[in-house]
Amino acid sequence: MARKLTIMLALVISTQHCMATSYNLDQFTVLEDSMSPSNIHVSSGFVVYTDMNGGIQAYDLEARQSFTIIQTGAESMSLDSKGGFVIWKAMTDSSLYGYDLLKRQQFTIAQNNVDAMAIGMSEKYVVWRDMSDGYMQAYDLTTHEAFTASMMPVESMKPLIAGNF
């Protein structure tokens, strides 16, 4: 039996004159198990996941359309998605990339020396440990500006960040 990722959306309707709430359930299939999805994220109206080829796929829940972010080359465990952005580390050169889901545009966050085990993301920032010097680096997803986020080398395995740090 094939497994499916199924999404159920509920529309809650209430009025000032009525205390009752009605639910309009909408169920649809986002992906089939034959795609061998892993590391699935749901954020800002999108489902994002890696496939068996190291590609990154996305599904727009509102438009109900699938699209490919990249064909191959993503480290599955580095994939993250928050606030309408997707980030991943490349398997080939240790670079860190981003993707704006609304604009459907890819961009480079950092080239080379990104520690795949030390990447964190909030809705506005990405942070990672640079393998060349151990310092935490950061990237503002809205301004596309990079900056150093630590005053000394750190040993953190997985930075946890939220909001404005």
Protein backbone atom coordinates (compact mmCIF):
# COMPACT_ATOMS: atom_id res chain seq x y z
CA MET A 1 0.00 0.00 0.00
CA ALA A 2 1.45 3.41 -0.99
CA ARG A 3 1.83 5.99 1.72
CA LYS A 4 0.81 9.60 1.10
CA LEU A 5 1.33 12.93 2.82
CA THR A 6 -2.19 14.21 3.16
CA ILE A 7 -3.07 17.70 4.31
CA MET A 8 -6.38 18.55 5.92
CA LEU A 9 -7.30 22.20 6.05
CA ALA A 10 -10.10 23.41 8.26
CA LEU A 11 -11.90 26.67 7.67
CA VAL A 12 -13.44 27.99 10.85
CA ILE A 13 -16.41 30.28 10.40
CA SER A 14 -18.10 32.13 13.22
CA THR A 15 -20.49 35.04 13.34
CA GLN A 16 -21.37 37.62 15.97
CA HIS A 17 -24.94 36.30 16.22
CA CYS A 18 -24.12 32.64 16.48
CA MET A 19 -21.96 30.83 18.99
CA ALA A 20 -21.67 27.75 16.78
CA THR A 21 -18.61 27.10 14.68
CA SER A 22 -18.62 25.17 11.45
CA TYR A 23 -15.71 23.35 9.90
CA ASN A 24 -15.15 22.90 6.20
CA LEU A 25 -12.57 20.13 5.89
CA ASP A 26 -10.54 20.00 2.72
CA GLN A 27 -8.31 16.99 2.17
CA PHE A 28 -5.78 16.54 -0.64
CA THR A 29 -2.56 14.66 -1.38
CA VAL A 30 0.69 16.63 -1.48
CA LEU A 31 3.11 13.84 -2.39
CA GLU A 32 3.27 10.11 -2.89
CA ASP A 33 5.64 7.76 -1.05
CA SER A 34 7.23 6.82 -4.39
CA MET A 35 9.03 10.19 -4.26
CA SER A 36 10.93 8.98 -1.14
CA PRO A 37 10.58 12.29 0.72
CA SER A 38 12.67 13.09 3.77
CA ASN A 39 13.12 16.02 6.13
CA ILE A 40 9.63 17.45 5.50
CA HIS A 41 8.89 21.04 6.61
CA VAL A 42 5.60 22.96 6.55
CA SER A 43 5.99 26.74 6.71
CA SER A 44 4.21 29.85 5.43
CA GLY A 45 1.79 27.92 3.23
CA PHE A 46 4.39 25.61 1.68
CA VAL A 47 5.46 22.00 2.19
CA VAL A 48 9.20 21.59 1.49
CA TYR A 49 11.15 18.32 1.46
CA THR A 50 14.18 16.60 -0.01
CA ASP A 51 13.82 13.73 -2.44
CA MET A 52 15.96 10.62 -2.94
CA ASN A 53 18.22 12.44 -5.44
CA GLY A 54 19.19 15.24 -3.04
CA GLY A 55 16.77 17.58 -4.78
CA ILE A 56 14.48 19.95 -2.95
CA GLN A 57 10.80 19.95 -3.83
CA ALA A 58 8.04 22.28 -2.67
CA TYR A 59 4.27 22.31 -2.71
CA ASP A 60 2.29 25.55 -2.59
CA LEU A 61 -0.72 24.75 -0.40
CA GLU A 62 -2.82 27.67 -1.63
CA ALA A 63 -2.18 27.16 -5.35
CA ARG A 64 -1.99 23.36 -4.92
CA GLN A 65 1.03 23.18 -7.18
CA SER A 66 4.34 21.36 -6.86
CA PHE A 67 7.62 22.87 -8.01
CA THR A 68 11.31 22.04 -7.89
CA ILE A 69 13.72 24.27 -5.98
CA ILE A 70 16.84 22.33 -7.02
CA GLN A 71 17.24 19.03 -8.90
CA THR A 72 20.15 17.51 -6.90
CA GLY A 73 22.97 18.39 -4.53
CA ALA A 74 21.31 19.29 -1.21
CA GLU A 75 22.38 17.73 2.08
CA SER A 76 19.07 16.39 3.33
CA MET A 77 19.74 17.00 7.03
CA SER A 78 20.66 20.65 6.49
CA LEU A 79 17.28 21.54 4.98
CA ASP A 80 15.19 24.03 6.96
CA SER A 81 12.26 26.29 6.16
CA LYS A 82 10.76 29.20 8.08
CA GLY A 83 9.06 32.49 7.23
CA GLY A 84 8.77 31.80 3.50
CA PHE A 85 12.45 30.91 3.07
CA VAL A 86 14.28 27.62 2.56
CA ILE A 87 17.96 27.01 3.38
CA TRP A 88 20.27 24.09 2.64
CA LYS A 89 23.94 23.18 2.47
CA ALA A 90 25.31 21.92 -0.82
CA MET A 91 26.84 18.43 -0.84
CA THR A 92 29.58 19.41 -3.29
CA ASP A 93 31.26 22.53 -1.92
CA SER A 94 30.01 23.18 1.66
CA SER A 95 28.23 26.36 0.55
CA LEU A 96 24.94 27.51 2.08
CA TYR A 97 22.04 28.50 -0.15
CA GLY A 98 18.63 30.06 0.33
CA TYR A 99 15.41 30.23 -1.58
CA ASP A 100 12.57 32.76 -1.35
CA LEU A 101 9.38 30.72 -1.74
CA LEU A 102 7.17 33.69 -2.64
CA LYS A 103 9.54 35.18 -5.24
CA ARG A 104 10.77 31.73 -6.32
CA GLN A 105 14.37 32.95 -6.31
CA GLN A 106 17.53 31.17 -5.17
CA PHE A 107 20.42 33.07 -3.55
CA THR A 108 23.83 32.30 -2.03
CA ILE A 109 24.19 32.80 1.72
CA ALA A 110 27.80 31.63 2.24
CA GLN A 111 30.41 30.06 0.02
CA ASN A 112 32.45 27.11 1.36
CA ASN A 113 33.39 26.22 4.95
CA VAL A 114 29.84 25.89 6.32
CA ASP A 115 29.55 23.34 9.13
CA ALA A 116 26.45 21.30 8.22
CA MET A 117 25.89 20.32 11.86
CA ALA A 118 25.89 23.94 13.06
CA ILE A 119 23.21 25.69 11.01
CA GLY A 120 20.22 27.44 12.61
CA MET A 121 17.38 29.48 11.21
CA SER A 122 14.65 31.84 12.37
CA GLU A 123 12.10 33.62 10.22
CA LYS A 124 14.57 36.47 9.61
CA TYR A 125 18.10 35.13 10.19
CA VAL A 126 20.33 32.19 9.30
CA VAL A 127 23.35 31.42 11.51
CA TRP A 128 26.13 28.91 10.96
CA ARG A 129 29.58 28.01 12.21
CA ASP A 130 32.38 28.72 9.76
CA MET A 131 34.69 25.67 9.66
CA SER A 132 37.75 27.77 8.79
CA ASP A 133 37.81 29.79 12.03
CA GLY A 134 34.96 28.51 14.26
CA TYR A 135 33.15 31.86 14.39
CA MET A 136 29.38 32.03 14.09
CA GLN A 137 28.30 33.88 10.98
CA ALA A 138 24.82 35.24 10.28
CA TYR A 139 22.75 36.31 7.31
CA ASP A 140 19.69 38.57 7.29
CA LEU A 141 17.15 36.99 4.94
CA THR A 142 15.32 40.27 4.36
CA THR A 143 18.30 42.55 3.60
CA HIS A 144 20.60 39.80 2.23
CA GLU A 145 23.48 41.06 4.39
CA ALA A 146 25.99 38.75 6.10
CA PHE A 147 27.76 39.54 9.39
CA THR A 148 29.80 37.88 12.16
CA ALA A 149 27.55 36.83 15.04
CA SER A 150 30.13 35.75 17.66
CA MET A 151 33.08 37.49 19.27
CA MET A 152 35.11 34.26 19.50
CA PRO A 153 35.11 30.76 18.06
CA VAL A 154 32.27 28.55 19.33
CA GLU A 155 31.78 24.82 19.67
CA SER A 156 27.99 24.79 19.27
CA MET A 157 26.61 21.85 17.35
CA LYS A 158 23.21 23.34 16.49
CA PRO A 159 22.55 27.02 17.14
CA LEU A 160 19.02 27.86 18.24
CA ILE A 161 17.75 31.29 17.30
CA ALA A 162 14.38 33.04 17.20
CA GLY A 163 13.09 36.36 15.93
CA ASN A 164 15.71 39.06 16.22
CA PHE A 165 18.17 36.76 18.07
